[in-house]
């Protein structure tokens, strides 16, 4: 029973992190496309997305097991997408790091333990 609760909590934490990371990448995409009225609006959206992604990451990081390393890589790729209003972000790198996180999270939830801390 306790293991079921822990499984569900981790699954939800990983899903929340992915959702936040996807929202932050969407902000970067919209910024590149010029969908914000001005740079101030774009930066406000980046800041809001950043806070949500870091909050979701903290839940994963505090426990210190599972796909922490892979989650950090996603954060690094997100930072690169938003760095200095990057007009030519490396989407491929973000997608690869996101996929690595998904694979590591799935393996950890199935009972494998890749990505310990």
PDB file of N, CA and C in Angstrom:
ATOM      1  N   UNK A   1       0.810  -1.193   0.000  1.00  0.00           N
ATOM      2  CA  UNK A   1       0.000   0.000   0.000  1.00  0.00           C
ATOM      3  C   UNK A   1       0.858   1.264   0.000  1.00  0.00           C
ATOM      4  N   UNK A   2       1.839   1.327   0.905  1.00  0.00           N
ATOM      5  CA  UNK A   2       2.722   2.488   0.962  1.00  0.00           C
ATOM      6  C   UNK A   2       3.505   2.638  -0.332  1.00  0.00           C
ATOM      7  N   UNK A   3       3.905   1.491  -0.914  1.00  0.00           N
ATOM      8  CA  UNK A   3       4.649   1.576  -2.174  1.00  0.00           C
ATOM      9  C   UNK A   3       3.755   2.099  -3.298  1.00  0.00           C
ATOM     10  N   UNK A   4       2.458   1.774  -3.247  1.00  0.00           N
ATOM     11  CA  UNK A   4       1.528   2.307  -4.246  1.00  0.00           C
ATOM     12  C   UNK A   4       1.400   3.819  -4.117  1.00  0.00           C
ATOM     13  N   UNK A   5       1.339   4.295  -2.899  1.00  0.00           N
ATOM     14  CA  UNK A   5       1.226   5.733  -2.659  1.00  0.00           C
ATOM     15  C   UNK A   5       2.489   6.452  -3.118  1.00  0.00           C
ATOM     16  N   UNK A   6       3.635   5.870  -2.812  1.00  0.00           N
ATOM     17  CA  UNK A   6       4.906   6.455  -3.235  1.00  0.00           C
ATOM     18  C   UNK A   6       5.012   6.459  -4.756  1.00  0.00           C
ATOM     19  N   UNK A   7       4.615   5.364  -5.384  1.00  0.00           N
ATOM     20  CA  UNK A   7       4.617   5.289  -6.842  1.00  0.00           C
ATOM     21  C   UNK A   7       3.764   6.422  -7.434  1.00  0.00           C
ATOM     22  N   UNK A   8       2.557   6.575  -6.933  1.00  0.00           N
ATOM     23  CA  UNK A   8       1.646   7.601  -7.454  1.00  0.00           C
ATOM     24  C   UNK A   8       2.186   9.009  -7.217  1.00  0.00           C
ATOM     25  N   UNK A   9       2.783   9.231  -6.069  1.00  0.00           N
ATOM     26  CA  UNK A   9       3.357  10.543  -5.772  1.00  0.00           C
ATOM     27  C   UNK A   9       4.499  10.859  -6.730  1.00  0.00           C
ATOM     28  N   UNK A  10       5.365   9.880  -6.958  1.00  0.00           N
ATOM     29  CA  UNK A  10       6.478  10.094  -7.902  1.00  0.00           C
ATOM     30  C   UNK A  10       5.965  10.296  -9.324  1.00  0.00           C
ATOM     31  N   UNK A  11       5.018   9.464  -9.725  1.00  0.00           N
ATOM     32  CA  UNK A  11       4.449   9.601 -11.068  1.00  0.00           C
ATOM     33  C   UNK A  11       3.869  10.993 -11.259  1.00  0.00           C
ATOM     34  N   UNK A  12       3.124  11.458 -10.279  1.00  0.00           N
ATOM     35  CA  UNK A  12       2.526  12.793 -10.370  1.00  0.00           C
ATOM     36  C   UNK A  12       3.588  13.886 -10.380  1.00  0.00           C
ATOM     37  N   UNK A  13       4.639  13.714  -9.596  1.00  0.00           N
ATOM     38  CA  UNK A  13       5.729  14.697  -9.568  1.00  0.00           C
ATOM     39  C   UNK A  13       6.433  14.753 -10.924  1.00  0.00           C
ATOM     40  N   UNK A  14       6.678  13.594 -11.524  1.00  0.00           N
ATOM     41  CA  UNK A  14       7.338  13.563 -12.828  1.00  0.00           C
ATOM     42  C   UNK A  14       6.450  14.185 -13.902  1.00  0.00           C
ATOM     43  N   UNK A  15       5.158  13.891 -13.840  1.00  0.00           N
ATOM     44  CA  UNK A  15       4.219  14.470 -14.809  1.00  0.00           C
ATOM     45  C   UNK A  15       4.125  15.982 -14.630  1.00  0.00           C
ATOM     46  N   UNK A  16       4.112  16.451 -13.397  1.00  0.00           N
ATOM     47  CA  UNK A  16       4.053  17.894 -13.144  1.00  0.00           C
ATOM     48  C   UNK A  16       5.303  18.588 -13.679  1.00  0.00           C
ATOM     49  N   UNK A  17       6.453  17.933 -13.502  1.00  0.00           N
ATOM     50  CA  UNK A  17       7.686  18.509 -14.026  1.00  0.00           C
ATOM     51  C   UNK A  17       7.648  18.589 -15.552  1.00  0.00           C
ATOM     52  N   UNK A  18       7.206  17.525 -16.196  1.00  0.00           N
ATOM     53  CA  UNK A  18       7.120  17.537 -17.657  1.00  0.00           C
ATOM     54  C   UNK A  18       6.148  18.601 -18.150  1.00  0.00           C
ATOM     55  N   UNK A  19       5.024  18.738 -17.485  1.00  0.00           N
ATOM     56  CA  UNK A  19       4.044  19.746 -17.870  1.00  0.00           C
ATOM     57  C   UNK A  19       4.633  21.144 -17.744  1.00  0.00           C
ATOM     58  N   UNK A  20       5.320  21.402 -16.640  1.00  0.00           N
ATOM     59  CA  UNK A  20       5.941  22.709 -16.439  1.00  0.00           C
ATOM     60  C   UNK A  20       7.053  22.961 -17.458  1.00  0.00           C
ATOM     61  N   UNK A  21       7.856  21.939 -17.728  1.00  0.00           N
ATOM     62  CA  UNK A  21       8.937  22.087 -18.709  1.00  0.00           C
ATOM     63  C   UNK A  21       8.372  22.362 -20.104  1.00  0.00           C
ATOM     64  N   UNK A  22       7.307  21.669 -20.444  1.00  0.00           N
ATOM     65  CA  UNK A  22       6.678  21.913 -21.749  1.00  0.00           C
ATOM     66  C   UNK A  22       6.112  23.326 -21.832  1.00  0.00           C
ATOM     67  N   UNK A  23       5.521  23.798 -20.742  1.00  0.00           N
ATOM     68  CA  UNK A  23       4.990  25.165 -20.729  1.00  0.00           C
ATOM     69  C   UNK A  23       6.125  26.179 -20.869  1.00  0.00           C
ATOM     70  N   UNK A  24       7.241  25.921 -20.207  1.00  0.00           N
ATOM     71  CA  UNK A  24       8.379  26.834 -20.326  1.00  0.00           C
ATOM     72  C   UNK A  24       8.962  26.813 -21.733  1.00  0.00           C
ATOM     73  N   UNK A  25       9.023  25.657 -22.346  1.00  0.00           N
ATOM     74  CA  UNK A  25       9.534  25.601 -23.725  1.00  0.00           C
ATOM     75  C   UNK A  25       8.578  26.312 -24.686  1.00  0.00           C
ATOM     76  N   UNK A  26       7.287  26.223 -24.391  1.00  0.00           N
ATOM     77  CA  UNK A  26       6.297  26.926 -25.222  1.00  0.00           C
ATOM     78  C   UNK A  26       6.488  28.448 -25.118  1.00  0.00           C
ATOM     79  N   UNK A  27       6.819  28.935 -23.931  1.00  0.00           N
ATOM     80  CA  UNK A  27       7.115  30.361 -23.765  1.00  0.00           C
ATOM     81  C   UNK A  27       8.306  30.746 -24.643  1.00  0.00           C
ATOM     82  N   UNK A  28       9.334  29.915 -24.636  1.00  0.00           N
ATOM     83  CA  UNK A  28      10.505  30.194 -25.484  1.00  0.00           C
ATOM     84  C   UNK A  28      10.107  30.214 -26.956  1.00  0.00           C
ATOM     85  N   UNK A  29       9.268  29.277 -27.348  1.00  0.00           N
ATOM     86  CA  UNK A  29       8.805  29.217 -28.737  1.00  0.00           C
ATOM     87  C   UNK A  29       8.023  30.475 -29.093  1.00  0.00           C
ATOM     88  N   UNK A  30       7.102  30.859 -28.243  1.00  0.00           N
ATOM     89  CA  UNK A  30       6.300  32.065 -28.497  1.00  0.00           C
ATOM     90  C   UNK A  30       7.180  33.307 -28.557  1.00  0.00           C
ATOM     91  N   UNK A  31       8.197  33.330 -27.738  1.00  0.00           N
ATOM     92  CA  UNK A  31       9.134  34.461 -27.746  1.00  0.00           C
ATOM     93  C   UNK A  31       9.860  34.557 -29.079  1.00  0.00           C
ATOM     94  N   UNK A  32      10.326  33.423 -29.561  1.00  0.00           N
ATOM     95  CA  UNK A  32      11.016  33.397 -30.856  1.00  0.00           C
ATOM     96  C   UNK A  32      10.075  33.834 -31.975  1.00  0.00           C
ATOM     97  N   UNK A  33       8.828  33.399 -31.889  1.00  0.00           N
ATOM     98  CA  UNK A  33       7.841  33.755 -32.905  1.00  0.00           C
ATOM     99  C   UNK A  33       7.352  35.196 -32.795  1.00  0.00           C
ATOM    100  N   UNK A  34       7.716  35.875 -31.728  1.00  0.00           N
ATOM    101  CA  UNK A  34       7.295  37.258 -31.551  1.00  0.00           C
ATOM    102  C   UNK A  34       5.844  37.404 -31.119  1.00  0.00           C
ATOM    103  N   UNK A  35       5.321  36.428 -30.395  1.00  0.00           N
ATOM    104  CA  UNK A  35       3.919  36.471 -29.974  1.00  0.00           C
ATOM    105  C   UNK A  35       3.665  37.388 -28.782  1.00  0.00           C
ATOM    106  N   UNK A  36       4.698  37.865 -28.153  1.00  0.00           N
ATOM    107  CA  UNK A  36       4.514  38.775 -27.027  1.00  0.00           C
ATOM    108  C   UNK A  36       4.551  40.209 -27.527  1.00  0.00           C
ATOM    109  N   UNK A  37       3.801  41.076 -26.861  1.00  0.00           N
ATOM    110  CA  UNK A  37       3.683  42.473 -27.283  1.00  0.00           C
ATOM    111  C   UNK A  37       5.039  43.174 -27.285  1.00  0.00           C
ATOM    112  N   UNK A  38       5.862  42.863 -26.299  1.00  0.00           N
ATOM    113  CA  UNK A  38       7.190  43.467 -26.203  1.00  0.00           C
ATOM    114  C   UNK A  38       8.072  42.568 -25.348  1.00  0.00           C
ATOM    115  N   UNK A  39       9.319  42.975 -25.183  1.00  0.00           N
ATOM    116  CA  UNK A  39      10.274  42.162 -24.428  1.00  0.00           C
ATOM    117  C   UNK A  39       9.896  42.075 -22.946  1.00  0.00           C
ATOM    118  N   UNK A  40       9.297  43.104 -22.408  1.00  0.00           N
ATOM    119  CA  UNK A  40       8.874  43.072 -21.002  1.00  0.00           C
ATOM    120  C   UNK A  40       7.819  41.984 -20.784  1.00  0.00           C
ATOM    121  N   UNK A  41       6.868  41.884 -21.701  1.00  0.00           N
ATOM    122  CA  UNK A  41       5.853  40.840 -21.589  1.00  0.00           C
ATOM    123  C   UNK A  41       6.478  39.455 -21.748  1.00  0.00           C
ATOM    124  N   UNK A  42       7.415  39.336 -22.673  1.00  0.00           N
ATOM    125  CA  UNK A  42       8.102  38.058 -22.885  1.00  0.00           C
ATOM    126  C   UNK A  42       8.877  37.651 -21.636  1.00  0.00           C
ATOM    127  N   UNK A  43       9.598  38.596 -21.038  1.00  0.00           N
ATOM    128  CA  UNK A  43      10.376  38.285 -19.842  1.00  0.00           C
ATOM    129  C   UNK A  43       9.479  37.920 -18.671  1.00  0.00           C
ATOM    130  N   UNK A  44       8.339  38.557 -18.562  1.00  0.00           N
ATOM    131  CA  UNK A  44       7.390  38.202 -17.498  1.00  0.00           C
ATOM    132  C   UNK A  44       6.898  36.769 -17.695  1.00  0.00           C
ATOM    133  N   UNK A  45       6.632  36.383 -18.929  1.00  0.00           N
ATOM    134  CA  UNK A  45       6.195  35.009 -19.216  1.00  0.00           C
ATOM    135  C   UNK A  45       7.311  34.019 -18.914  1.00  0.00           C
ATOM    136  N   UNK A  46       8.534  34.366 -19.272  1.00  0.00           N
ATOM    137  CA  UNK A  46       9.689  33.508 -18.981  1.00  0.00           C
ATOM    138  C   UNK A  46       9.836  33.337 -17.474  1.00  0.00           C
ATOM    139  N   UNK A  47       9.753  34.431 -16.735  1.00  0.00           N
ATOM    140  CA  UNK A  47       9.890  34.363 -15.278  1.00  0.00           C
ATOM    141  C   UNK A  47       8.818  33.484 -14.646  1.00  0.00           C
ATOM    142  N   UNK A  48       7.580  33.642 -15.081  1.00  0.00           N
ATOM    143  CA  UNK A  48       6.474  32.849 -14.544  1.00  0.00           C
ATOM    144  C   UNK A  48       6.682  31.363 -14.839  1.00  0.00           C
ATOM    145  N   UNK A  49       7.069  31.054 -16.065  1.00  0.00           N
ATOM    146  CA  UNK A  49       7.305  29.663 -16.451  1.00  0.00           C
ATOM    147  C   UNK A  49       8.497  29.083 -15.687  1.00  0.00           C
ATOM    148  N   UNK A  50       9.533  29.883 -15.529  1.00  0.00           N
ATOM    149  CA  UNK A  50      10.729  29.456 -14.801  1.00  0.00           C
ATOM    150  C   UNK A  50      10.377  29.048 -13.377  1.00  0.00           C
ATOM    151  N   UNK A  51       9.599  29.879 -12.696  1.00  0.00           N
ATOM    152  CA  UNK A  51       9.215  29.599 -11.313  1.00  0.00           C
ATOM    153  C   UNK A  51       8.436  28.283 -11.229  1.00  0.00           C
ATOM    154  N   UNK A  52       7.520  28.067 -12.144  1.00  0.00           N
ATOM    155  CA  UNK A  52       6.713  26.838 -12.123  1.00  0.00           C
ATOM    156  C   UNK A  52       7.578  25.603 -12.379  1.00  0.00           C
ATOM    157  N   UNK A  53       8.491  25.693 -13.321  1.00  0.00           N
ATOM    158  CA  UNK A  53       9.349  24.548 -13.628  1.00  0.00           C
ATOM    159  C   UNK A  53      10.273  24.238 -12.459  1.00  0.00           C
ATOM    160  N   UNK A  54      10.859  25.278 -11.846  1.00  0.00           N
ATOM    161  CA  UNK A  54      11.756  25.043 -10.713  1.00  0.00           C
ATOM    162  C   UNK A  54      10.997  24.487  -9.521  1.00  0.00           C
ATOM    163  N   UNK A  55       9.777  24.925  -9.298  1.00  0.00           N
ATOM    164  CA  UNK A  55       8.973  24.387  -8.197  1.00  0.00           C
ATOM    165  C   UNK A  55       8.702  22.898  -8.427  1.00  0.00           C
ATOM    166  N   UNK A  56       8.377  22.529  -9.657  1.00  0.00           N
ATOM    167  CA  UNK A  56       8.134  21.119  -9.977  1.00  0.00           C
ATOM    168  C   UNK A  56       9.424  20.308  -9.850  1.00  0.00           C
ATOM    169  N   UNK A  57      10.542  20.893 -10.242  1.00  0.00           N
ATOM    170  CA  UNK A  57      11.830  20.206 -10.108  1.00  0.00           C
ATOM    171  C   UNK A  57      12.183  19.978  -8.635  1.00  0.00           C
ATOM    172  N   UNK A  58      11.895  20.956  -7.793  1.00  0.00           N
ATOM    173  CA  UNK A  58      12.253  20.839  -6.381  1.00  0.00           C
ATOM    174  C   UNK A  58      11.640  19.599  -5.738  1.00  0.00           C
ATOM    175  N   UNK A  59      10.453  19.232  -6.139  1.00  0.00           N
ATOM    176  CA  UNK A  59       9.805  18.038  -5.598  1.00  0.00           C
ATOM    177  C   UNK A  59      10.633  16.799  -5.940  1.00  0.00           C
ATOM    178  N   UNK A  60      11.168  16.754  -7.134  1.00  0.00           N
ATOM    179  CA  UNK A  60      11.996  15.627  -7.569  1.00  0.00           C
ATOM    180  C   UNK A  60      13.366  15.673  -6.880  1.00  0.00           C
ATOM    181  N   UNK A  61      13.943  16.860  -6.824  1.00  0.00           N
ATOM    182  CA  UNK A  61      15.289  17.036  -6.287  1.00  0.00           C
ATOM    183  C   UNK A  61      15.364  16.746  -4.797  1.00  0.00           C
ATOM    184  N   UNK A  62      14.336  17.111  -4.037  1.00  0.00           N
ATOM    185  CA  UNK A  62      14.344  16.912  -2.594  1.00  0.00           C
ATOM    186  C   UNK A  62      14.476  15.440  -2.239  1.00  0.00           C
ATOM    187  N   UNK A  63      13.772  14.604  -2.976  1.00  0.00           N
ATOM    188  CA  UNK A  63      13.846  13.173  -2.680  1.00  0.00           C
ATOM    189  C   UNK A  63      15.232  12.619  -3.007  1.00  0.00           C
ATOM    190  N   UNK A  64      15.847  13.126  -4.064  1.00  0.00           N
ATOM    191  CA  UNK A  64      17.211  12.750  -4.397  1.00  0.00           C
ATOM    192  C   UNK A  64      17.391  11.390  -5.043  1.00  0.00           C
ATOM    193  N   UNK A  65      16.310  10.746  -5.438  1.00  0.00           N
ATOM    194  CA  UNK A  65      16.394   9.479  -6.158  1.00  0.00           C
ATOM    195  C   UNK A  65      15.585   9.612  -7.442  1.00  0.00           C
ATOM    196  N   UNK A  66      15.812   8.685  -8.332  1.00  0.00           N
ATOM    197  CA  UNK A  66      15.079   8.730  -9.598  1.00  0.00           C
ATOM    198  C   UNK A  66      15.806   9.580 -10.619  1.00  0.00           C
ATOM    199  N   UNK A  67      15.080  10.154 -11.550  1.00  0.00           N
ATOM    200  CA  UNK A  67      15.682  10.848 -12.688  1.00  0.00           C
ATOM    201  C   UNK A  67      16.098  12.289 -12.386  1.00  0.00           C
ATOM    202  N   UNK A  68      16.796  12.501 -11.284  1.00  0.00           N
ATOM    203  CA  UNK A  68      17.216  13.852 -10.905  1.00  0.00           C
ATOM    204  C   UNK A  68      18.212  14.414 -11.916  1.00  0.00           C
ATOM    205  N   UNK A  69      19.186  13.609 -12.280  1.00  0.00           N
ATOM    206  CA  UNK A  69      20.211  14.058 -13.238  1.00  0.00           C
ATOM    207  C   UNK A  69      19.570  14.444 -14.564  1.00  0.00           C
ATOM    208  N   UNK A  70      18.632  13.647 -15.020  1.00  0.00           N
ATOM    209  CA  UNK A  70      17.950  13.909 -16.282  1.00  0.00           C
ATOM    210  C   UNK A  70      17.074  15.164 -16.186  1.00  0.00           C
ATOM    211  N   UNK A  71      16.455  15.366 -15.027  1.00  0.00           N
ATOM    212  CA  UNK A  71      15.647  16.574 -14.821  1.00  0.00           C
ATOM    213  C   UNK A  71      16.533  17.814 -14.852  1.00  0.00           C
ATOM    214  N   UNK A  72      17.718  17.719 -14.257  1.00  0.00           N
ATOM    215  CA  UNK A  72      18.655  18.850 -14.307  1.00  0.00           C
ATOM    216  C   UNK A  72      19.060  19.166 -15.747  1.00  0.00           C
ATOM    217  N   UNK A  73      19.230  18.134 -16.554  1.00  0.00           N
ATOM    218  CA  UNK A  73      19.575  18.355 -17.963  1.00  0.00           C
ATOM    219  C   UNK A  73      18.447  19.091 -18.683  1.00  0.00           C
ATOM    220  N   UNK A  74      17.210  18.746 -18.363  1.00  0.00           N
ATOM    221  CA  UNK A  74      16.063  19.461 -18.953  1.00  0.00           C
ATOM    222  C   UNK A  74      16.121  20.929 -18.549  1.00  0.00           C
ATOM    223  N   UNK A  75      16.409  21.203 -17.279  1.00  0.00           N
ATOM    224  CA  UNK A  75      16.516  22.590 -16.820  1.00  0.00           C
ATOM    225  C   UNK A  75      17.608  23.345 -17.572  1.00  0.00           C
ATOM    226  N   UNK A  76      18.731  22.690 -17.784  1.00  0.00           N
ATOM    227  CA  UNK A  76      19.836  23.329 -18.519  1.00  0.00           C
ATOM    228  C   UNK A  76      19.425  23.654 -19.949  1.00  0.00           C
ATOM    229  N   UNK A  77      18.713  22.741 -20.595  1.00  0.00           N
ATOM    230  CA  UNK A  77      18.267  22.976 -21.969  1.00  0.00           C
ATOM    231  C   UNK A  77      17.230  24.099 -22.022  1.00  0.00           C
ATOM    232  N   UNK A  78      16.351  24.153 -21.021  1.00  0.00           N
ATOM    233  CA  UNK A  78      15.375  25.248 -20.961  1.00  0.00           C
ATOM    234  C   UNK A  78      16.078  26.584 -20.787  1.00  0.00           C
ATOM    235  N   UNK A  79      17.095  26.611 -19.947  1.00  0.00           N
ATOM    236  CA  UNK A  79      17.849  27.850 -19.749  1.00  0.00           C
ATOM    237  C   UNK A  79      18.488  28.288 -21.060  1.00  0.00           C
ATOM    238  N   UNK A  80      19.010  27.339 -21.815  1.00  0.00           N
ATOM    239  CA  UNK A  80      19.624  27.658 -23.102  1.00  0.00           C
ATOM    240  C   UNK A  80      18.587  28.205 -24.085  1.00  0.00           C
ATOM    241  N   UNK A  81      17.356  27.673 -24.028  1.00  0.00           N
ATOM    242  CA  UNK A  81      16.308  28.170 -24.926  1.00  0.00           C
ATOM    243  C   UNK A  81      15.997  29.634 -24.656  1.00  0.00           C
ATOM    244  N   UNK A  82      16.060  30.033 -23.403  1.00  0.00           N
ATOM    245  CA  UNK A  82      15.656  31.385 -23.016  1.00  0.00           C
ATOM    246  C   UNK A  82      16.811  32.363 -22.866  1.00  0.00           C
ATOM    247  N   UNK A  83      18.002  31.868 -22.965  1.00  0.00           N
ATOM    248  CA  UNK A  83      19.169  32.716 -22.732  1.00  0.00           C
ATOM    249  C   UNK A  83      19.196  33.912 -23.683  1.00  0.00           C
ATOM    250  N   UNK A  84      19.199  35.069 -23.117  1.00  0.00           N
ATOM    251  CA  UNK A  84      19.333  36.332 -23.849  1.00  0.00           C
ATOM    252  C   UNK A  84      18.368  36.449 -25.022  1.00  0.00           C
ATOM    253  N   UNK A  85      17.167  35.989 -24.847  1.00  0.00           N
ATOM    254  CA  UNK A  85      16.191  36.107 -25.934  1.00  0.00           C
ATOM    255  C   UNK A  85      16.619  35.331 -27.155  1.00  0.00           C
ATOM    256  N   UNK A  86      17.291  34.227 -26.935  1.00  0.00           N
ATOM    257  CA  UNK A  86      17.835  33.398 -28.015  1.00  0.00           C
ATOM    258  C   UNK A  86      16.889  33.344 -29.205  1.00  0.00           C
ATOM    259  N   UNK A  87      17.354  33.775 -30.326  1.00  0.00           N
ATOM    260  CA  UNK A  87      16.533  33.806 -31.536  1.00  0.00           C
ATOM    261  C   UNK A  87      16.687  32.556 -32.389  1.00  0.00           C
ATOM    262  N   UNK A  88      17.607  31.694 -32.002  1.00  0.00           N
ATOM    263  CA  UNK A  88      17.816  30.452 -32.745  1.00  0.00           C
ATOM    264  C   UNK A  88      18.076  29.314 -31.758  1.00  0.00           C
ATOM    265  N   UNK A  89      17.086  29.019 -30.914  1.00  0.00           N
ATOM    266  CA  UNK A  89      17.306  28.006 -29.871  1.00  0.00           C
ATOM    267  C   UNK A  89      17.483  26.608 -30.431  1.00  0.00           C
ATOM    268  N   UNK A  90      18.144  25.778 -29.671  1.00  0.00           N
ATOM    269  CA  UNK A  90      18.412  24.393 -30.034  1.00  0.00           C
ATOM    270  C   UNK A  90      17.293  23.502 -29.515  1.00  0.00           C
ATOM    271  N   UNK A  91      16.203  23.426 -30.263  1.00  0.00           N
ATOM    272  CA  UNK A  91      15.041  22.624 -29.862  1.00  0.00           C
ATOM    273  C   UNK A  91      15.393  21.153 -29.780  1.00  0.00           C
ATOM    274  N   UNK A  92      16.262  20.711 -30.671  1.00  0.00           N
ATOM    275  CA  UNK A  92      16.663  19.305 -30.703  1.00  0.00           C
ATOM    276  C   UNK A  92      17.265  18.878 -29.365  1.00  0.00           C
ATOM    277  N   UNK A  93      18.095  19.727 -28.783  1.00  0.00           N
ATOM    278  CA  UNK A  93      18.723  19.406 -27.499  1.00  0.00           C
ATOM    279  C   UNK A  93      17.689  19.332 -26.378  1.00  0.00           C
ATOM    280  N   UNK A  94      16.729  20.256 -26.387  1.00  0.00           N
ATOM    281  CA  UNK A  94      15.673  20.221 -25.377  1.00  0.00           C
ATOM    282  C   UNK A  94      14.859  18.931 -25.519  1.00  0.00           C
ATOM    283  N   UNK A  95      14.463  18.619 -26.739  1.00  0.00           N
ATOM    284  CA  UNK A  95      13.656  17.414 -26.954  1.00  0.00           C
ATOM    285  C   UNK A  95      14.408  16.157 -26.539  1.00  0.00           C
ATOM    286  N   UNK A  96      15.696  16.103 -26.809  1.00  0.00           N
ATOM    287  CA  UNK A  96      16.502  14.934 -26.421  1.00  0.00           C
ATOM    288  C   UNK A  96      16.592  14.818 -24.899  1.00  0.00           C
ATOM    289  N   UNK A  97      16.795  15.929 -24.223  1.00  0.00           N
ATOM    290  CA  UNK A  97      16.886  15.871 -22.761  1.00  0.00           C
ATOM    291  C   UNK A  97      15.535  15.515 -22.151  1.00  0.00           C
ATOM    292  N   UNK A  98      14.460  16.021 -22.744  1.00  0.00           N
ATOM    293  CA  UNK A  98      13.121  15.684 -22.260  1.00  0.00           C
ATOM    294  C   UNK A  98      12.862  14.188 -22.412  1.00  0.00           C
ATOM    295  N   UNK A  99      13.229  13.646 -23.562  1.00  0.00           N
ATOM    296  CA  UNK A  99      13.038  12.214 -23.814  1.00  0.00           C
ATOM    297  C   UNK A  99      13.878  11.373 -22.843  1.00  0.00           C
ATOM    298  N   UNK A 100      15.086  11.801 -22.557  1.00  0.00           N
ATOM    299  CA  UNK A 100      15.926  11.083 -21.580  1.00  0.00           C
ATOM    300  C   UNK A 100      15.274  11.083 -20.207  1.00  0.00           C
ATOM    301  N   UNK A 101      14.669  12.224 -19.841  1.00  0.00           N
ATOM    302  CA  UNK A 101      13.970  12.280 -18.563  1.00  0.00           C
ATOM    303  C   UNK A 101      12.794  11.305 -18.544  1.00  0.00           C
ATOM    304  N   UNK A 102      12.009  11.290 -19.602  1.00  0.00           N
ATOM    305  CA  UNK A 102      10.848  10.395 -19.672  1.00  0.00           C
ATOM    306  C   UNK A 102      11.296   8.945 -19.550  1.00  0.00           C
ATOM    307  N   UNK A 103      12.331   8.571 -20.273  1.00  0.00           N
ATOM    308  CA  UNK A 103      12.832   7.195 -20.218  1.00  0.00           C
ATOM    309  C   UNK A 103      13.329   6.835 -18.819  1.00  0.00           C
ATOM    310  N   UNK A 104      14.091   7.743 -18.190  1.00  0.00           N
ATOM    311  CA  UNK A 104      14.621   7.471 -16.856  1.00  0.00           C
ATOM    312  C   UNK A 104      13.499   7.409 -15.822  1.00  0.00           C
ATOM    313  N   UNK A 105      12.531   8.309 -15.931  1.00  0.00           N
ATOM    314  CA  UNK A 105      11.402   8.305 -14.992  1.00  0.00           C
ATOM    315  C   UNK A 105      10.598   7.023 -15.148  1.00  0.00           C
ATOM    316  N   UNK A 106      10.351   6.612 -16.373  1.00  0.00           N
ATOM    317  CA  UNK A 106       9.603   5.376 -16.618  1.00  0.00           C
ATOM    318  C   UNK A 106      10.327   4.166 -16.047  1.00  0.00           C
ATOM    319  N   UNK A 107      11.626   4.095 -16.285  1.00  0.00           N
ATOM    320  CA  UNK A 107      12.418   2.980 -15.768  1.00  0.00           C
ATOM    321  C   UNK A 107      12.403   2.973 -14.237  1.00  0.00           C
ATOM    322  N   UNK A 108      12.544   4.139 -13.638  1.00  0.00           N
ATOM    323  CA  UNK A 108      12.545   4.216 -12.177  1.00  0.00           C
ATOM    324  C   UNK A 108      11.196   3.784 -11.612  1.00  0.00           C
ATOM    325  N   UNK A 109      10.127   4.219 -12.236  1.00  0.00           N
ATOM    326  CA  UNK A 109       8.787   3.843 -11.761  1.00  0.00           C
ATOM    327  C   UNK A 109       8.517   2.339 -11.924  1.00  0.00           C
ATOM    328  N   UNK A 110       9.140   1.741 -12.929  1.00  0.00           N
ATOM    329  CA  UNK A 110       8.974   0.291 -13.131  1.00  0.00           C
ATOM    330  C   UNK A 110       9.820  -0.525 -12.170  1.00  0.00           C
ATOM    331  N   UNK A 111      10.702   0.138 -11.442  1.00  0.00           N
ATOM    332  CA  UNK A 111      11.503  -0.583 -10.468  1.00  0.00           C
ATOM    333  C   UNK A 111      12.984  -0.567 -10.751  1.00  0.00           C
ATOM    334  N   UNK A 112      13.363  -0.139 -11.946  1.00  0.00           N
ATOM    335  CA  UNK A 112      14.778   0.056 -12.235  1.00  0.00           C
ATOM    336  C   UNK A 112      15.187   1.339 -11.538  1.00  0.00           C
ATOM    337  N   UNK A 113      16.451   1.554 -11.363  1.00  0.00           N
ATOM    338  CA  UNK A 113      16.854   2.761 -10.667  1.00  0.00           C
ATOM    339  C   UNK A 113      17.932   3.531 -11.425  1.00  0.00           C
ATOM    340  N   UNK A 114      17.737   3.783 -12.727  1.00  0.00           N
ATOM    341  CA  UNK A 114      18.708   4.640 -13.403  1.00  0.00           C
ATOM    342  C   UNK A 114      18.551   6.044 -12.859  1.00  0.00           C
ATOM    343  N   UNK A 115      19.586   6.809 -12.891  1.00  0.00           N
ATOM    344  CA  UNK A 115      19.508   8.192 -12.484  1.00  0.00           C
ATOM    345  C   UNK A 115      19.412   8.390 -10.981  1.00  0.00           C
ATOM    346  N   UNK A 116      20.071   7.549 -10.197  1.00  0.00           N
ATOM    347  CA  UNK A 116      20.081   7.773  -8.750  1.00  0.00           C
ATOM    348  C   UNK A 116      20.861   9.049  -8.474  1.00  0.00           C
ATOM    349  N   UNK A 117      20.139  10.088  -8.021  1.00  0.00           N
ATOM    350  CA  UNK A 117      20.740  11.360  -7.614  1.00  0.00           C
ATOM    351  C   UNK A 117      21.510  11.933  -8.690  1.00  0.00           C
TER     352      UNK A 117
END
